[in-house]
Protein backbone atom coordinates (compact mmCIF):
# COMPACT_ATOMS: atom_id res chain seq x y z
CA MET A 1 -30.36 -7.56 -13.46
CA VAL A 2 -28.74 -5.36 -10.63
CA ASN A 3 -25.36 -3.82 -10.28
CA ILE A 4 -24.90 -2.53 -6.99
CA LYS A 5 -21.26 -2.03 -5.55
CA VAL A 6 -21.28 -3.32 -2.01
CA VAL A 7 -18.17 -3.92 0.50
CA CYS A 8 -18.24 -6.94 2.93
CA VAL A 9 -18.53 -6.07 6.63
CA ASP A 10 -19.04 -9.72 8.09
CA ASP A 11 -17.15 -12.94 6.74
CA ALA A 12 -17.38 -14.63 9.78
CA ASN A 13 -19.07 -17.93 10.56
CA GLN A 14 -19.06 -19.06 6.61
CA PRO A 15 -20.16 -22.76 6.02
CA ASN A 16 -17.03 -25.02 5.86
CA ILE A 17 -18.34 -26.78 2.84
CA ILE A 18 -17.65 -23.32 0.85
CA PRO A 19 -13.88 -23.45 -0.28
CA ALA A 20 -11.74 -20.78 0.32
CA GLU A 21 -11.56 -19.07 -3.32
CA LEU A 22 -15.53 -18.56 -2.78
CA ARG A 23 -15.90 -17.29 0.71
CA VAL A 24 -16.34 -13.41 1.00
CA VAL A 25 -13.57 -11.54 2.63
CA LYS A 26 -14.60 -8.64 4.92
CA ASP A 27 -13.62 -4.79 3.93
CA GLU A 28 -13.46 -6.38 0.07
CA GLN A 29 -15.56 -4.89 -2.49
CA TYR A 30 -18.18 -6.91 -4.70
CA THR A 31 -20.90 -6.20 -7.22
CA VAL A 32 -24.57 -7.58 -6.29
CA THR A 33 -26.30 -8.77 -9.57
CA ARG A 34 -29.13 -10.52 -7.95
CA ILE A 35 -31.19 -10.18 -4.86
CA ILE A 36 -33.58 -12.98 -3.56
CA ASN A 37 -35.79 -13.99 -0.68
CA MET A 38 -34.23 -17.33 0.54
CA ARG A 39 -37.52 -18.94 1.95
CA LEU A 40 -35.85 -22.28 2.86
CA GLN A 41 -33.29 -20.15 4.86
CA SER A 42 -36.21 -18.61 7.10
CA GLY A 43 -36.77 -16.05 4.45
CA GLN A 44 -33.42 -14.09 4.97
CA THR A 45 -32.40 -12.13 1.97
CA GLY A 46 -29.72 -13.41 -0.46
CA VAL A 47 -27.53 -11.74 -2.94
CA GLU A 48 -25.61 -13.11 -6.02
CA LEU A 49 -22.20 -11.41 -6.57
CA LYS A 50 -20.68 -11.02 -9.94
CA GLU A 51 -16.89 -11.96 -8.69
CA LEU A 52 -17.85 -15.26 -6.89
CA ASP A 53 -19.97 -17.94 -8.49
CA LEU A 54 -21.40 -20.10 -5.70
CA LYS A 55 -23.91 -21.99 -8.44
CA ALA A 56 -21.04 -22.88 -10.43
CA ALA A 57 -19.63 -24.90 -7.55
CA ASN A 58 -22.36 -27.26 -7.21
CA LEU A 59 -22.84 -26.67 -3.36
CA PRO A 60 -26.03 -26.48 -1.45
CA TYR A 61 -25.53 -22.90 -1.17
CA GLU A 62 -26.41 -20.75 -4.04
CA TYR A 63 -26.54 -17.12 -2.58
CA TYR A 64 -24.59 -15.27 0.03
CA LEU A 65 -26.48 -13.42 2.90
CA ALA A 66 -27.24 -9.86 2.20
CA LYS A 67 -26.49 -9.02 5.72
CA ARG A 68 -22.83 -9.76 5.07
CA PHE A 69 -22.60 -6.67 2.97
CA ARG A 70 -23.25 -2.84 2.80
CA PRO A 71 -23.63 -0.52 -0.12
CA LEU A 72 -20.70 1.66 -0.97
CA THR A 73 -20.95 4.97 0.27
CA GLN A 74 -21.62 7.94 -2.47
CA GLU A 75 -17.77 9.06 -1.23
CA GLU A 76 -16.72 5.64 -1.88
CA LEU A 77 -18.21 5.33 -5.34
CA GLN A 78 -16.83 8.88 -6.36
CA MET A 79 -13.26 8.02 -4.99
CA GLU A 80 -13.51 4.66 -7.13
CA GLU A 81 -14.70 6.23 -10.30
CA ALA A 82 -12.01 9.27 -10.24
CA PHE A 83 -9.39 6.69 -9.63
CA GLU A 84 -10.30 4.96 -12.70
CA ASP A 85 -10.44 7.94 -14.40
CA LEU A 86 -6.95 8.72 -13.46
CA ILE A 87 -5.65 5.17 -13.88
CA SER A 88 -7.21 5.43 -17.75
CA GLU A 89 -5.44 8.85 -18.41
CA THR A 90 -2.01 8.28 -16.68
CA LEU A 91 -1.12 4.74 -17.16
CA PRO A 92 0.43 3.55 -20.38
CA THR A 93 -1.05 0.16 -21.63
CA THR A 94 1.20 -2.49 -20.75
CA PRO A 95 2.73 -4.81 -23.21
CA LEU A 96 0.56 -7.68 -22.45
CA ASN A 97 -2.38 -5.64 -22.04
CA VAL A 98 -2.91 -6.43 -18.72
CA PRO A 99 -5.67 -4.56 -17.15
CA VAL A 100 -5.20 -2.28 -14.11
CA THR A 101 -8.16 -2.21 -11.77
CA VAL A 102 -8.96 0.16 -8.83
CA ALA A 103 -8.63 -2.83 -6.39
CA SER A 104 -5.07 -3.60 -7.67
CA VAL A 105 -3.69 -0.01 -6.70
CA LEU A 106 -6.02 1.46 -4.25
CA PRO A 107 -3.78 0.53 -1.39
CA SER A 108 -1.20 2.69 -2.95
CA TYR A 109 -3.77 5.43 -3.38
CA ILE A 110 -4.54 5.25 0.48
CA PHE A 111 -0.91 5.08 1.31
CA TYR A 112 1.35 7.23 -0.83
CA SER A 113 0.81 10.58 -2.66
CA ASN A 114 -0.15 11.01 -6.22
CA THR A 115 3.42 11.63 -7.25
CA LYS A 116 4.81 8.53 -5.69
CA ILE A 117 1.93 6.36 -6.84
CA PHE A 118 2.63 7.54 -10.51
CA HIS A 119 6.54 6.95 -9.68
CA SER A 120 5.41 3.26 -8.33
CA PHE A 121 3.90 2.58 -11.84
CA THR A 122 6.75 3.98 -14.10
CA SER A 123 9.74 2.63 -12.30
């Protein structure tokens, strides 16, 4: 099993049979857990994603086209790791023990200074 962090670069022209909740979204990050040669689709390369399970939906599609994704750059991976460390060191545990993910707070990181981020979590 592989664990490759990728970002979607193409969410156009997805088969209509795939429900909205299982469609990939451009600029969203995913984790590739399997890479396969799809012989029935002209030998294109397909990927299985940790976050979206096409197989469970019992559709004629089981994999996403690999060409819809690109690997995260080293800089993106480092930023994600640093942000996860920052979150775990500074945020108090919520009463319901709800996990905070990088994806849920990254937009704040981009648009606000560190001071405003901490302020927004504690206010």
